Amino acid sequence: MTDVKDIYEEQLDAFLIWMKDAGYTMYTQKSYLSDVYEFLESLKGKTMEQVKKLHVISYLSSVRERGVSDATRNRKHAAVNCFFKALIELELTTQNPAAGVKKSKTDSNRAPSFLNEQELMRFFESVQGKYRTRNIAIFLLMAYMGLRIGEVHALNLSDFNAEHKTLNVFGKGRKWRTLPVPESVSLMLEQAISERIDPWRAKEEAMFTSQKGRRLSIRCIQQIASETFERFQAEVPEQQRLSYSSHKLRHSFATMLLRKGADLRTVQELLGHSSIQTTTIYTHVTSREKEEAIARLNIQLPTGIG
């Protein structure tokens, strides 16, 4: 059986060059390449000109049959769509059969899970180990400033202005945003930077480094978060434990802001969302809040009822 890499070597190389030039993170490059490789395997050697919308839908249907979530299916669709977009721009094909394929409808009413302020305190108490200061600083940036994991990974020392307490963040869509840094977060950042392991490369600007002096990888941050969440739920019976990830800290930040009266537009800017529609998923309320709101109503019934 001929390897997909041999058949589509030029296209795969071109796609990688295009993603690097477009500023995609290493994490996105890796996951998109993996998805596209899987799609190309389903083509059984067809040329790019032979690929039709039917082949894209067929691939996405087979993905769905494996039981993946709508969000994962949509990511795979986005990867294939980007692949053809790249090939068109680099003049390796003339059509994008993925462009007209509809996204799956995800459950937009499902509120993201989050930690309340008491739970966040317990979470931070669960941060342990030799690099506790560094890890607390990382989680503070997510929980109290709303940074994505990739944004934390990409931070450089020069992005933090300790005097003015501001942080420049390079986010999705290659957009920069400048965030105010709360006093306590600023102090922890300064401490983490003072304890930072000297990089093995002289010009390494990474704010957070590993024990080997390299920029802390996204995978490593995910692992640290996973281990911390395990300790956080250590006393919860295994069957009752929730599936938490580092992204839940960002969810917590957005939820806290809205509950404290911040307007949607401000929260959108702080989170770095390109569309306010994305921000509206955080406007969920608890059952207790619904009950309390209803209880404030002064319901007057007509006389002679009941």
Protein backbone atom coordinates (compact mmCIF):
# COMPACT_ATOMS: atom_id res chain seq x y z
CA MET A 1 0.00 0.00 0.00
CA THR A 2 1.43 3.38 -1.06
CA ASP A 3 1.90 5.83 1.77
CA VAL A 4 -0.22 9.00 1.73
CA LYS A 5 2.94 10.99 2.45
CA ASP A 6 4.46 9.80 -0.84
CA ILE A 7 1.36 10.49 -2.96
CA TYR A 8 0.64 13.94 -1.54
CA GLU A 9 4.12 15.02 -0.43
CA GLU A 10 4.06 18.31 -2.35
CA GLN A 11 0.59 19.27 -1.07
CA LEU A 12 1.41 18.41 2.57
CA ASP A 13 4.69 20.35 2.46
CA ALA A 14 2.92 23.32 0.87
CA PHE A 15 0.18 23.24 3.54
CA LEU A 16 2.74 23.28 6.33
CA ILE A 17 4.59 26.23 4.75
CA TRP A 18 1.26 28.08 4.34
CA MET A 19 0.29 27.52 8.00
CA LYS A 20 3.68 28.69 9.24
CA ASP A 21 3.46 31.81 7.08
CA ALA A 22 -0.11 32.47 8.31
CA GLY A 23 1.12 32.36 11.91
CA TYR A 24 -0.68 29.22 13.07
CA THR A 25 0.62 27.86 16.39
CA MET A 26 2.66 24.64 16.43
CA TYR A 27 -0.29 22.99 18.21
CA THR A 28 -2.73 23.94 15.41
CA GLN A 29 -0.25 22.96 12.70
CA LYS A 30 0.14 19.51 14.25
CA SER A 31 -3.59 18.85 14.71
CA TYR A 32 -4.55 20.20 11.25
CA LEU A 33 -1.84 18.11 9.55
CA SER A 34 -3.08 15.03 11.39
CA ASP A 35 -6.69 15.69 10.27
CA VAL A 36 -5.65 16.36 6.65
CA TYR A 37 -3.49 13.22 6.59
CA GLU A 38 -6.56 11.22 7.72
CA PHE A 39 -8.69 12.87 5.00
CA LEU A 40 -6.11 12.15 2.30
CA GLU A 41 -6.04 8.48 3.33
CA SER A 42 -9.79 8.34 2.63
CA LEU A 43 -9.22 9.54 -0.98
CA LYS A 44 -7.42 6.33 -1.99
CA GLY A 45 -4.96 8.10 -4.30
CA LYS A 46 -7.31 10.55 -6.06
CA THR A 47 -5.74 13.72 -7.46
CA MET A 48 -6.82 17.08 -6.02
CA GLU A 49 -8.79 17.81 -9.19
CA GLN A 50 -10.77 14.58 -8.73
CA VAL A 51 -11.89 15.45 -5.20
CA LYS A 52 -15.55 16.54 -4.98
CA LYS A 53 -17.78 17.78 -2.19
CA LEU A 54 -19.10 14.20 -1.92
CA HIS A 55 -15.65 12.94 -0.85
CA VAL A 56 -15.38 15.57 1.88
CA ILE A 57 -18.88 14.78 3.20
CA SER A 58 -18.13 11.05 3.02
CA TYR A 59 -14.97 11.55 5.12
CA LEU A 60 -16.79 13.71 7.70
CA SER A 61 -19.62 11.14 7.89
CA SER A 62 -17.12 8.36 8.61
CA VAL A 63 -15.63 10.57 11.34
CA ARG A 64 -19.10 11.02 12.85
CA GLU A 65 -19.72 7.27 12.80
CA ARG A 66 -16.65 6.81 15.01
CA GLY A 67 -18.50 8.74 17.68
CA VAL A 68 -16.48 11.99 17.78
CA SER A 69 -18.12 15.19 19.04
CA ASP A 70 -19.61 17.83 16.74
CA ALA A 71 -16.79 20.17 17.78
CA THR A 72 -14.13 17.63 16.69
CA ARG A 73 -15.96 16.98 13.42
CA ASN A 74 -16.06 20.74 12.78
CA ARG A 75 -12.33 21.05 13.53
CA LYS A 76 -11.57 18.31 10.99
CA HIS A 77 -13.76 20.13 8.47
CA ALA A 78 -11.90 23.38 9.20
CA ALA A 79 -8.56 21.61 8.66
CA VAL A 80 -9.61 20.21 5.27
CA ASN A 81 -11.08 23.58 4.28
CA CYS A 82 -7.79 25.32 5.20
CA PHE A 83 -5.84 22.69 3.28
CA PHE A 84 -7.66 23.43 0.02
CA LYS A 85 -7.56 27.16 0.68
CA ALA A 86 -3.78 26.90 1.03
CA LEU A 87 -3.42 24.86 -2.16
CA ILE A 88 -5.48 27.41 -4.12
CA GLU A 89 -3.36 30.31 -2.81
CA LEU A 90 -0.17 28.40 -3.67
CA GLU A 91 -1.57 27.54 -7.13
CA LEU A 92 -1.53 23.76 -6.59
CA THR A 93 -5.26 23.36 -7.25
CA THR A 94 -8.16 25.50 -8.45
CA GLN A 95 -11.11 24.31 -6.34
CA ASN A 96 -12.10 23.91 -2.69
CA PRO A 97 -14.62 21.06 -2.34
CA ALA A 98 -14.83 21.65 1.43
CA ALA A 99 -16.00 25.26 1.12
CA GLY A 100 -19.70 24.50 0.65
CA VAL A 101 -19.95 21.78 3.32
CA LYS A 102 -22.06 22.80 6.31
CA LYS A 103 -20.75 22.73 9.85
CA SER A 104 -22.37 20.48 12.43
CA LYS A 105 -24.65 22.29 14.83
CA THR A 106 -23.02 22.11 18.22
CA ASP A 107 -25.08 22.36 21.37
CA SER A 108 -24.83 26.13 21.74
CA ASN A 109 -27.16 26.15 24.74
CA ARG A 110 -24.86 23.97 26.79
CA ALA A 111 -23.11 26.23 29.28
CA PRO A 112 -19.36 25.80 29.62
CA SER A 113 -18.39 24.28 32.97
CA PHE A 114 -16.50 26.60 35.29
CA LEU A 115 -15.18 26.96 38.83
CA ASN A 116 -16.70 29.45 41.24
CA GLU A 117 -14.46 31.65 43.38
CA GLN A 118 -14.33 29.22 46.31
CA GLU A 119 -13.46 26.36 43.97
CA LEU A 120 -10.76 28.47 42.33
CA MET A 121 -9.19 29.05 45.74
CA ARG A 122 -9.14 25.28 46.33
CA PHE A 123 -7.71 24.74 42.85
CA PHE A 124 -4.80 27.11 43.53
CA GLU A 125 -4.16 25.37 46.85
CA SER A 126 -3.84 22.14 44.82
CA VAL A 127 -0.90 23.51 42.81
CA GLN A 128 2.19 21.73 44.14
CA GLY A 129 5.73 20.75 43.20
CA LYS A 130 9.11 22.27 42.56
CA TYR A 131 7.81 24.81 40.04
CA ARG A 132 4.77 25.87 42.10
CA THR A 133 5.35 29.63 41.67
CA ARG A 134 5.62 29.32 37.87
CA ASN A 135 2.53 27.11 37.67
CA ILE A 136 0.44 29.37 39.91
CA ALA A 137 1.41 32.34 37.71
CA ILE A 138 0.32 30.40 34.60
CA PHE A 139 -3.06 29.47 36.10
CA LEU A 140 -3.62 33.02 37.40
CA LEU A 141 -3.23 34.31 33.84
CA MET A 142 -5.96 31.89 32.72
CA ALA A 143 -8.35 32.23 35.68
CA TYR A 144 -8.06 35.97 36.34
CA MET A 145 -7.07 37.35 32.94
CA GLY A 146 -8.74 34.83 30.60
CA LEU A 147 -5.69 33.75 28.56
CA ARG A 148 -5.87 30.72 26.29
CA ILE A 149 -3.29 27.98 26.82
CA GLY A 150 -1.60 28.83 23.49
CA GLU A 151 -1.39 32.49 24.51
CA VAL A 152 0.34 31.58 27.79
CA HIS A 153 2.76 29.34 25.86
CA ALA A 154 3.62 32.19 23.45
CA LEU A 155 4.28 34.86 26.11
CA ASN A 156 7.70 36.53 26.09
CA LEU A 157 9.35 38.48 28.90
CA SER A 158 8.98 41.71 26.93
CA ASP A 159 5.18 41.28 26.82
CA PHE A 160 4.89 42.09 30.53
CA ASN A 161 5.27 45.68 31.71
CA ALA A 162 5.66 45.43 35.49
CA GLU A 163 5.71 49.20 35.98
CA HIS A 164 2.42 49.86 34.17
CA LYS A 165 0.98 46.43 35.06
CA THR A 166 0.01 45.54 31.50
CA LEU A 167 0.42 42.40 29.42
CA ASN A 168 0.52 42.22 25.62
CA VAL A 169 -1.13 39.01 24.41
CA PHE A 170 -0.81 37.53 20.90
CA GLY A 171 -4.11 35.75 20.32
CA LYS A 172 -6.22 34.01 17.71
CA GLY A 173 -6.38 35.60 14.29
CA ARG A 174 -2.87 36.97 14.85
CA LYS A 175 -4.35 39.82 16.89
CA TRP A 176 -2.66 41.55 19.81
CA ARG A 177 -4.58 42.74 22.85
CA THR A 178 -3.25 44.64 25.86
CA LEU A 179 -4.65 43.57 29.23
CA PRO A 180 -4.43 45.24 32.64
CA VAL A 181 -2.73 42.93 35.15
CA PRO A 182 -4.31 42.75 38.64
CA GLU A 183 -1.93 43.62 41.49
CA SER A 184 -1.76 40.09 42.96
CA VAL A 185 -1.23 38.53 39.52
CA SER A 186 1.50 41.08 38.78
CA LEU A 187 3.33 40.21 42.01
CA MET A 188 3.16 36.48 41.24
CA LEU A 189 4.36 37.07 37.66
CA GLU A 190 7.34 39.07 38.90
CA GLN A 191 8.19 36.29 41.36
CA ALA A 192 7.86 33.60 38.67
CA ILE A 193 10.11 35.59 36.33
CA SER A 194 12.73 36.04 39.08
CA GLU A 195 12.75 32.24 39.64
CA ARG A 196 12.70 31.46 35.90
CA ILE A 197 15.17 28.79 34.75
CA ASP A 198 17.77 30.33 32.46
CA PRO A 199 17.11 29.18 28.89
CA TRP A 200 19.74 27.02 27.19
CA ARG A 201 19.45 29.24 24.12
CA ALA A 202 20.88 32.73 24.66
CA LYS A 203 18.12 34.55 22.80
CA GLU A 204 15.16 32.59 24.25
CA GLU A 205 12.60 35.20 25.33
CA ALA A 206 9.96 32.78 26.68
CA MET A 207 8.33 33.95 29.89
CA PHE A 208 7.77 30.38 31.10
CA THR A 209 10.53 27.81 30.69
CA SER A 210 10.75 24.10 31.44
CA GLN A 211 13.29 22.44 33.75
CA LYS A 212 15.49 22.03 30.65
CA GLY A 213 15.39 25.77 29.97
CA ARG A 214 13.16 25.53 26.90
CA ARG A 215 9.87 27.37 26.24
CA LEU A 216 7.20 25.52 28.21
CA SER A 217 5.14 23.52 25.70
CA ILE A 218 1.34 23.52 25.44
CA ARG A 219 1.38 19.77 26.16
CA CYS A 220 3.36 20.36 29.35
CA ILE A 221 0.95 23.08 30.56
CA GLN A 222 -1.99 20.72 29.85
CA GLN A 223 -0.27 17.99 31.86
CA ILE A 224 0.37 20.30 34.83
CA ALA A 225 -3.30 21.39 34.75
CA SER A 226 -4.49 17.78 34.54
CA GLU A 227 -2.41 16.74 37.56
CA THR A 228 -3.61 19.78 39.55
CA PHE A 229 -7.26 19.03 38.74
CA GLU A 230 -6.69 15.43 39.91
CA ARG A 231 -5.50 16.70 43.30
CA PHE A 232 -8.34 19.25 43.34
CA GLN A 233 -10.87 16.38 43.07
CA ALA A 234 -8.94 13.87 45.19
CA GLU A 235 -11.69 13.68 47.83
CA VAL A 236 -14.52 13.38 45.29
CA PRO A 237 -15.67 9.77 44.57
CA GLU A 238 -14.23 8.70 41.22
CA GLN A 239 -17.63 8.26 39.52
CA GLN A 240 -18.62 11.81 40.52
CA ARG A 241 -15.46 13.56 39.27
CA LEU A 242 -15.89 16.10 36.49
CA SER A 243 -13.77 16.33 33.37
CA TYR A 244 -11.79 19.54 33.85
CA SER A 245 -9.12 21.02 31.61
CA SER A 246 -7.05 24.20 31.71
CA HIS A 247 -9.64 25.88 29.46
CA LYS A 248 -12.14 25.72 32.35
CA LEU A 249 -10.08 28.43 34.05
CA ARG A 250 -10.78 30.76 31.10
CA HIS A 251 -14.47 29.83 31.33
CA SER A 252 -14.37 30.73 35.04
CA PHE A 253 -12.86 34.14 34.29
CA ALA A 254 -15.58 35.03 31.76
CA THR A 255 -18.37 33.79 34.02
CA MET A 256 -17.08 35.73 37.05
CA LEU A 257 -16.83 38.97 35.06
CA LEU A 258 -20.38 38.73 33.73
CA ARG A 259 -21.78 37.85 37.15
CA LYS A 260 -20.08 40.92 38.59
CA GLY A 261 -21.82 43.13 36.04
CA ALA A 262 -19.21 43.52 33.26
CA ASP A 263 -20.84 44.17 29.88
CA LEU A 264 -20.53 41.67 27.04
CA ARG A 265 -18.48 43.96 24.82
CA THR A 266 -15.82 44.45 27.51
CA VAL A 267 -15.66 40.70 28.18
CA GLN A 268 -15.34 40.09 24.43
CA GLU A 269 -12.32 42.43 24.30
CA LEU A 270 -10.68 40.85 27.35
CA LEU A 271 -11.12 37.33 25.97
CA GLY A 272 -9.95 38.27 22.48
CA HIS A 273 -13.11 36.99 20.75
CA SER A 274 -13.53 38.21 17.17
CA SER A 275 -17.32 37.84 17.44
CA ILE A 276 -19.55 38.79 20.37
CA GLN A 277 -21.65 35.69 19.57
CA THR A 278 -18.81 33.56 20.96
CA THR A 279 -18.90 35.55 24.21
CA THR A 280 -22.64 34.95 24.72
CA ILE A 281 -22.02 31.30 25.68
CA TYR A 282 -20.85 32.63 29.04
CA THR A 283 -24.14 34.33 29.87
CA HIS A 284 -25.47 31.17 31.52
CA VAL A 285 -27.08 31.41 34.95
CA THR A 286 -27.57 28.83 37.69
CA SER A 287 -30.91 27.35 38.76
CA ARG A 288 -30.63 29.20 42.07
CA GLU A 289 -30.17 32.52 40.29
CA LYS A 290 -33.26 31.78 38.19
CA GLU A 291 -35.27 30.95 41.31
CA GLU A 292 -34.08 34.12 43.07
CA ALA A 293 -35.01 36.25 40.06
CA ILE A 294 -38.51 34.75 39.86
CA ALA A 295 -38.95 35.12 43.65
CA ARG A 296 -38.53 38.92 43.29
CA LEU A 297 -41.74 39.12 41.25
CA ASN A 298 -44.80 40.41 43.10
CA ILE A 299 -47.46 38.18 41.57
CA GLN A 300 -51.01 39.57 42.00
CA LEU A 301 -53.90 37.23 41.33
CA PRO A 302 -57.44 38.43 40.60
CA THR A 303 -59.79 38.26 43.56
CA GLY A 304 -61.90 35.14 43.82
CA ILE A 305 -59.15 32.85 42.50
CA GLY A 306 -58.11 29.81 44.57
